[in-house]
Amino acid sequence: PLMIGATSLTASFDQPVLDAHNHER
């Protein structure tokens, strides 16, 4: 499997996921 976003906050995957959660909050 291809894995993305394992440890550090990346601009292309992790940050958008975090931002989407924080938008709802």
PDB file of all heavy atoms in Angstrom:
ATOM      1  N   PRO A   1       0.821  -1.207   0.000  1.00  0.00           N
ATOM      2  CA  PRO A   1       0.000   0.000   0.000  1.00  0.00           C
ATOM      3  C   PRO A   1       0.854   1.256   0.000  1.00  0.00           C
ATOM      4  O   PRO A   1       1.928   1.293   0.582  1.00  0.00           O
ATOM      5  CB  PRO A   1      -0.817  -0.115   1.280  1.00  0.00           C
ATOM      6  CG  PRO A   1      -0.156  -1.138   2.110  1.00  0.00           C
ATOM      7  CD  PRO A   1       0.679  -1.994   1.206  1.00  0.00           C
ATOM      8  N   LEU A   2       0.361   2.256  -0.658  1.00  0.00           N
ATOM      9  CA  LEU A   2       0.971   3.577  -0.658  1.00  0.00           C
ATOM     10  C   LEU A   2       0.440   4.324   0.550  1.00  0.00           C
ATOM     11  O   LEU A   2      -0.758   4.432   0.738  1.00  0.00           O
ATOM     12  CB  LEU A   2       0.591   4.324  -1.940  1.00  0.00           C
ATOM     13  CG  LEU A   2       0.939   5.799  -2.005  1.00  0.00           C
ATOM     14  CD1 LEU A   2       2.454   5.966  -2.064  1.00  0.00           C
ATOM     15  CD2 LEU A   2       0.286   6.436  -3.193  1.00  0.00           C
ATOM     16  N   MET A   3       1.349   4.817   1.391  1.00  0.00           N
ATOM     17  CA  MET A   3       0.918   5.533   2.595  1.00  0.00           C
ATOM     18  C   MET A   3       1.282   6.998   2.488  1.00  0.00           C
ATOM     19  O   MET A   3       2.347   7.347   2.005  1.00  0.00           O
ATOM     20  CB  MET A   3       1.578   4.949   3.842  1.00  0.00           C
ATOM     21  CG  MET A   3       1.027   3.609   4.219  1.00  0.00           C
ATOM     22  SD  MET A   3       1.499   3.115   5.870  1.00  0.00           S
ATOM     23  CE  MET A   3       3.246   3.337   5.860  1.00  0.00           C
ATOM     24  N   ILE A   4       0.382   7.825   2.958  1.00  0.00           N
ATOM     25  CA  ILE A   4       0.593   9.265   2.989  1.00  0.00           C
ATOM     26  C   ILE A   4       0.255   9.758   4.387  1.00  0.00           C
ATOM     27  O   ILE A   4      -0.723   9.338   4.979  1.00  0.00           O
ATOM     28  CB  ILE A   4      -0.296   9.979   1.957  1.00  0.00           C
ATOM     29  CG1 ILE A   4       0.074   9.507   0.552  1.00  0.00           C
ATOM     30  CG2 ILE A   4      -0.192  11.478   2.082  1.00  0.00           C
ATOM     31  CD1 ILE A   4      -0.812  10.048  -0.529  1.00  0.00           C
ATOM     32  N   GLY A   5       1.062  10.671   4.895  1.00  0.00           N
ATOM     33  CA  GLY A   5       0.709  11.356   6.129  1.00  0.00           C
ATOM     34  C   GLY A   5       1.060  10.626   7.394  1.00  0.00           C
ATOM     35  O   GLY A   5       0.313  10.677   8.351  1.00  0.00           O
ATOM     36  N   ALA A   6       2.180   9.932   7.436  1.00  0.00           N
ATOM     37  CA  ALA A   6       2.470   9.100   8.598  1.00  0.00           C
ATOM     38  C   ALA A   6       2.930   9.882   9.822  1.00  0.00           C
ATOM     39  O   ALA A   6       2.482   9.598  10.909  1.00  0.00           O
ATOM     40  CB  ALA A   6       3.513   8.049   8.247  1.00  0.00           C
ATOM     41  N   THR A   7       3.836  10.828   9.682  1.00  0.00           N
ATOM     42  CA  THR A   7       4.384  11.416  10.900  1.00  0.00           C
ATOM     43  C   THR A   7       4.335  12.941  10.942  1.00  0.00           C
ATOM     44  O   THR A   7       3.966  13.503  11.956  1.00  0.00           O
ATOM     45  CB  THR A   7       5.850  10.972  11.101  1.00  0.00           C
ATOM     46  OG1 THR A   7       6.601  11.330   9.961  1.00  0.00           O
ATOM     47  CG2 THR A   7       5.930   9.478  11.339  1.00  0.00           C
ATOM     48  N   SER A   8       4.735  13.605   9.901  1.00  0.00           N
ATOM     49  CA  SER A   8       4.780  15.063   9.962  1.00  0.00           C
ATOM     50  C   SER A   8       3.579  15.660   9.241  1.00  0.00           C
ATOM     51  O   SER A   8       2.962  15.030   8.399  1.00  0.00           O
ATOM     52  CB  SER A   8       6.075  15.572   9.323  1.00  0.00           C
ATOM     53  OG  SER A   8       6.103  15.205   7.964  1.00  0.00           O
ATOM     54  N   LEU A   9       3.283  16.886   9.594  1.00  0.00           N
ATOM     55  CA  LEU A   9       2.159  17.588   9.008  1.00  0.00           C
ATOM     56  C   LEU A   9       2.541  18.059   7.608  1.00  0.00           C
ATOM     57  O   LEU A   9       3.394  18.924   7.452  1.00  0.00           O
ATOM     58  CB  LEU A   9       1.791  18.764   9.907  1.00  0.00           C
ATOM     59  CG  LEU A   9       0.484  19.466   9.672  1.00  0.00           C
ATOM     60  CD1 LEU A   9      -0.684  18.512   9.834  1.00  0.00           C
ATOM     61  CD2 LEU A   9       0.345  20.612  10.659  1.00  0.00           C
ATOM     62  N   THR A  10       1.936  17.453   6.584  1.00  0.00           N
ATOM     63  CA  THR A  10       2.252  17.812   5.207  1.00  0.00           C
ATOM     64  C   THR A  10       1.187  18.735   4.647  1.00  0.00           C
ATOM     65  O   THR A  10       0.010  18.628   4.995  1.00  0.00           O
ATOM     66  CB  THR A  10       2.347  16.561   4.301  1.00  0.00           C
ATOM     67  OG1 THR A  10       1.068  15.922   4.271  1.00  0.00           O
ATOM     68  CG2 THR A  10       3.401  15.594   4.809  1.00  0.00           C
ATOM     69  N   ALA A  11       1.596  19.626   3.771  1.00  0.00           N
ATOM     70  CA  ALA A  11       0.674  20.596   3.191  1.00  0.00           C
ATOM     71  C   ALA A  11      -0.328  19.942   2.254  1.00  0.00           C
ATOM     72  O   ALA A  11      -1.456  20.404   2.124  1.00  0.00           O
ATOM     73  CB  ALA A  11       1.455  21.681   2.456  1.00  0.00           C
ATOM     74  N   SER A  12       0.064  18.851   1.599  1.00  0.00           N
ATOM     75  CA  SER A  12      -0.807  18.252   0.587  1.00  0.00           C
ATOM     76  C   SER A  12      -1.864  17.314   1.140  1.00  0.00           C
ATOM     77  O   SER A  12      -2.892  17.105   0.520  1.00  0.00           O
ATOM     78  CB  SER A  12       0.036  17.505  -0.445  1.00  0.00           C
ATOM     79  OG  SER A  12       0.723  16.428   0.185  1.00  0.00           O
ATOM     80  N   PHE A  13      -1.631  16.726   2.311  1.00  0.00           N
ATOM     81  CA  PHE A  13      -2.601  15.783   2.859  1.00  0.00           C
ATOM     82  C   PHE A  13      -3.013  16.138   4.285  1.00  0.00           C
ATOM     83  O   PHE A  13      -4.178  16.386   4.566  1.00  0.00           O
ATOM     84  CB  PHE A  13      -2.060  14.352   2.818  1.00  0.00           C
ATOM     85  CG  PHE A  13      -2.987  13.357   3.449  1.00  0.00           C
ATOM     86  CD1 PHE A  13      -4.110  12.914   2.772  1.00  0.00           C
ATOM     87  CD2 PHE A  13      -2.768  12.895   4.726  1.00  0.00           C
ATOM     88  CE1 PHE A  13      -4.998  12.031   3.352  1.00  0.00           C
ATOM     89  CE2 PHE A  13      -3.646  12.005   5.333  1.00  0.00           C
ATOM     90  CZ  PHE A  13      -4.763  11.572   4.642  1.00  0.00           C
ATOM     91  N   ASP A  14      -2.060  16.144   5.194  1.00  0.00           N
ATOM     92  CA  ASP A  14      -2.381  16.306   6.609  1.00  0.00           C
ATOM     93  C   ASP A  14      -3.030  17.648   6.920  1.00  0.00           C
ATOM     94  O   ASP A  14      -4.020  17.699   7.653  1.00  0.00           O
ATOM     95  CB  ASP A  14      -1.124  16.159   7.474  1.00  0.00           C
ATOM     96  CG  ASP A  14      -0.418  14.834   7.256  1.00  0.00           C
ATOM     97  OD1 ASP A  14      -1.106  13.848   6.946  1.00  0.00           O
ATOM     98  OD2 ASP A  14       0.808  14.790   7.408  1.00  0.00           O
ATOM     99  N   GLN A  15      -2.480  18.714   6.402  1.00  0.00           N
ATOM    100  CA  GLN A  15      -3.032  20.039   6.711  1.00  0.00           C
ATOM    101  C   GLN A  15      -4.470  20.168   6.227  1.00  0.00           C
ATOM    102  O   GLN A  15      -5.327  20.653   6.981  1.00  0.00           O
ATOM    103  CB  GLN A  15      -2.155  21.156   6.130  1.00  0.00           C
ATOM    104  CG  GLN A  15      -2.502  22.527   6.671  1.00  0.00           C
ATOM    105  CD  GLN A  15      -2.209  22.654   8.159  1.00  0.00           C
ATOM    106  OE1 GLN A  15      -1.095  22.422   8.606  1.00  0.00           O
ATOM    107  NE2 GLN A  15      -3.225  23.038   8.940  1.00  0.00           N
ATOM    108  N   PRO A  16      -4.792  19.745   4.996  1.00  0.00           N
ATOM    109  CA  PRO A  16      -6.207  19.814   4.585  1.00  0.00           C
ATOM    110  C   PRO A  16      -7.131  18.957   5.449  1.00  0.00           C
ATOM    111  O   PRO A  16      -8.268  19.354   5.725  1.00  0.00           O
ATOM    112  CB  PRO A  16      -6.185  19.314   3.141  1.00  0.00           C
ATOM    113  CG  PRO A  16      -4.807  19.574   2.655  1.00  0.00           C
ATOM    114  CD  PRO A  16      -3.930  19.388   3.862  1.00  0.00           C
ATOM    115  N   VAL A  17      -6.669  17.792   5.897  1.00  0.00           N
ATOM    116  CA  VAL A  17      -7.481  16.941   6.776  1.00  0.00           C
ATOM    117  C   VAL A  17      -7.702  17.652   8.111  1.00  0.00           C
ATOM    118  O   VAL A  17      -8.832  17.710   8.618  1.00  0.00           O
ATOM    119  CB  VAL A  17      -6.817  15.557   6.974  1.00  0.00           C
ATOM    120  CG1 VAL A  17      -7.484  14.781   8.094  1.00  0.00           C
ATOM    121  CG2 VAL A  17      -6.865  14.761   5.678  1.00  0.00           C
ATOM    122  N   LEU A  18      -6.646  18.192   8.673  1.00  0.00           N
ATOM    123  CA  LEU A  18      -6.748  18.926   9.937  1.00  0.00           C
ATOM    124  C   LEU A  18      -7.659  20.143   9.776  1.00  0.00           C
ATOM    125  O   LEU A  18      -8.538  20.385  10.609  1.00  0.00           O
ATOM    126  CB  LEU A  18      -5.356  19.341  10.411  1.00  0.00           C
ATOM    127  CG  LEU A  18      -5.290  20.160  11.700  1.00  0.00           C
ATOM    128  CD1 LEU A  18      -5.826  19.369  12.887  1.00  0.00           C
ATOM    129  CD2 LEU A  18      -3.845  20.614  11.945  1.00  0.00           C
ATOM    130  N   ASP A  19      -7.460  20.902   8.700  1.00  0.00           N
ATOM    131  CA  ASP A  19      -8.266  22.096   8.466  1.00  0.00           C
ATOM    132  C   ASP A  19      -9.750  21.759   8.316  1.00  0.00           C
ATOM    133  O   ASP A  19     -10.611  22.492   8.815  1.00  0.00           O
ATOM    134  CB  ASP A  19      -7.786  22.851   7.227  1.00  0.00           C
ATOM    135  CG  ASP A  19      -6.428  23.507   7.416  1.00  0.00           C
ATOM    136  OD1 ASP A  19      -5.943  23.604   8.565  1.00  0.00           O
ATOM    137  OD2 ASP A  19      -5.836  23.909   6.389  1.00  0.00           O
ATOM    138  N   ALA A  20     -10.062  20.661   7.645  1.00  0.00           N
ATOM    139  CA  ALA A  20     -11.461  20.258   7.456  1.00  0.00           C
ATOM    140  C   ALA A  20     -12.107  19.926   8.804  1.00  0.00           C
ATOM    141  O   ALA A  20     -13.266  20.287   9.056  1.00  0.00           O
ATOM    142  CB  ALA A  20     -11.556  19.076   6.499  1.00  0.00           C
ATOM    143  N   HIS A  21     -11.376  19.251   9.672  1.00  0.00           N
ATOM    144  CA  HIS A  21     -11.885  18.975  11.016  1.00  0.00           C
ATOM    145  C   HIS A  21     -12.096  20.275  11.794  1.00  0.00           C
ATOM    146  O   HIS A  21     -13.141  20.484  12.412  1.00  0.00           O
ATOM    147  CB  HIS A  21     -10.898  18.086  11.790  1.00  0.00           C
ATOM    148  CG  HIS A  21     -11.012  16.644  11.505  1.00  0.00           C
ATOM    149  ND1 HIS A  21     -10.463  16.059  10.381  1.00  0.00           N
ATOM    150  CD2 HIS A  21     -11.603  15.640  12.200  1.00  0.00           C
ATOM    151  CE1 HIS A  21     -10.700  14.761  10.408  1.00  0.00           C
ATOM    152  NE2 HIS A  21     -11.406  14.479  11.505  1.00  0.00           N
ATOM    153  N   ASN A  22     -11.085  21.131  11.753  1.00  0.00           N
ATOM    154  CA  ASN A  22     -11.156  22.368  12.530  1.00  0.00           C
ATOM    155  C   ASN A  22     -12.222  23.327  12.013  1.00  0.00           C
ATOM    156  O   ASN A  22     -12.780  24.120  12.777  1.00  0.00           O
ATOM    157  CB  ASN A  22      -9.787  23.025  12.621  1.00  0.00           C
ATOM    158  CG  ASN A  22      -8.908  22.314  13.633  1.00  0.00           C
ATOM    159  OD1 ASN A  22      -9.404  21.721  14.592  1.00  0.00           O
ATOM    160  ND2 ASN A  22      -7.611  22.354  13.424  1.00  0.00           N
ATOM    161  N   HIS A  23     -12.533  23.251  10.740  1.00  0.00           N
ATOM    162  CA  HIS A  23     -13.632  24.051  10.189  1.00  0.00           C
ATOM    163  C   HIS A  23     -14.947  23.672  10.870  1.00  0.00           C
ATOM    164  O   HIS A  23     -15.717  24.554  11.285  1.00  0.00           O
ATOM    165  CB  HIS A  23     -13.733  23.844   8.678  1.00  0.00           C
ATOM    166  CG  HIS A  23     -14.936  24.474   8.078  1.00  0.00           C
ATOM    167  ND1 HIS A  23     -15.035  25.826   7.857  1.00  0.00           N
ATOM    168  CD2 HIS A  23     -16.122  23.929   7.682  1.00  0.00           C
ATOM    169  CE1 HIS A  23     -16.223  26.096   7.334  1.00  0.00           C
ATOM    170  NE2 HIS A  23     -16.906  24.965   7.225  1.00  0.00           N
ATOM    171  N   GLU A  24     -15.202  22.381  10.989  1.00  0.00           N
ATOM    172  CA  GLU A  24     -16.434  21.923  11.641  1.00  0.00           C
ATOM    173  C   GLU A  24     -16.467  22.323  13.110  1.00  0.00           C
ATOM    174  O   GLU A  24     -17.510  22.691  13.636  1.00  0.00           O
ATOM    175  CB  GLU A  24     -16.594  20.406  11.507  1.00  0.00           C
ATOM    176  CG  GLU A  24     -16.803  19.938  10.081  1.00  0.00           C
ATOM    177  CD  GLU A  24     -18.040  20.543   9.421  1.00  0.00           C
ATOM    178  OE1 GLU A  24     -19.093  20.713  10.098  1.00  0.00           O
ATOM    179  OE2 GLU A  24     -17.968  20.869   8.217  1.00  0.00           O
ATOM    180  N   ARG A  25     -15.330  22.255  13.759  1.00  0.00           N
ATOM    181  CA  ARG A  25     -15.261  22.631  15.178  1.00  0.00           C
ATOM    182  C   ARG A  25     -15.450  24.144  15.347  1.00  0.00           C
ATOM    183  O   ARG A  25     -16.103  24.588  16.296  1.00  0.00           O
ATOM    184  CB  ARG A  25     -13.950  22.152  15.781  1.00  0.00           C
ATOM    185  CG  ARG A  25     -13.879  20.608  15.822  1.00  0.00           C
ATOM    186  CD  ARG A  25     -12.562  20.110  16.335  1.00  0.00           C
ATOM    187  NE  ARG A  25     -12.370  20.404  17.744  1.00  0.00           N
ATOM    188  CZ  ARG A  25     -12.812  19.658  18.749  1.00  0.00           C
ATOM    189  NH1 ARG A  25     -13.477  18.542  18.519  1.00  0.00           N
ATOM    190  NH2 ARG A  25     -12.572  20.010  19.999  1.00  0.00           N
TER     191      ARG A  25
END
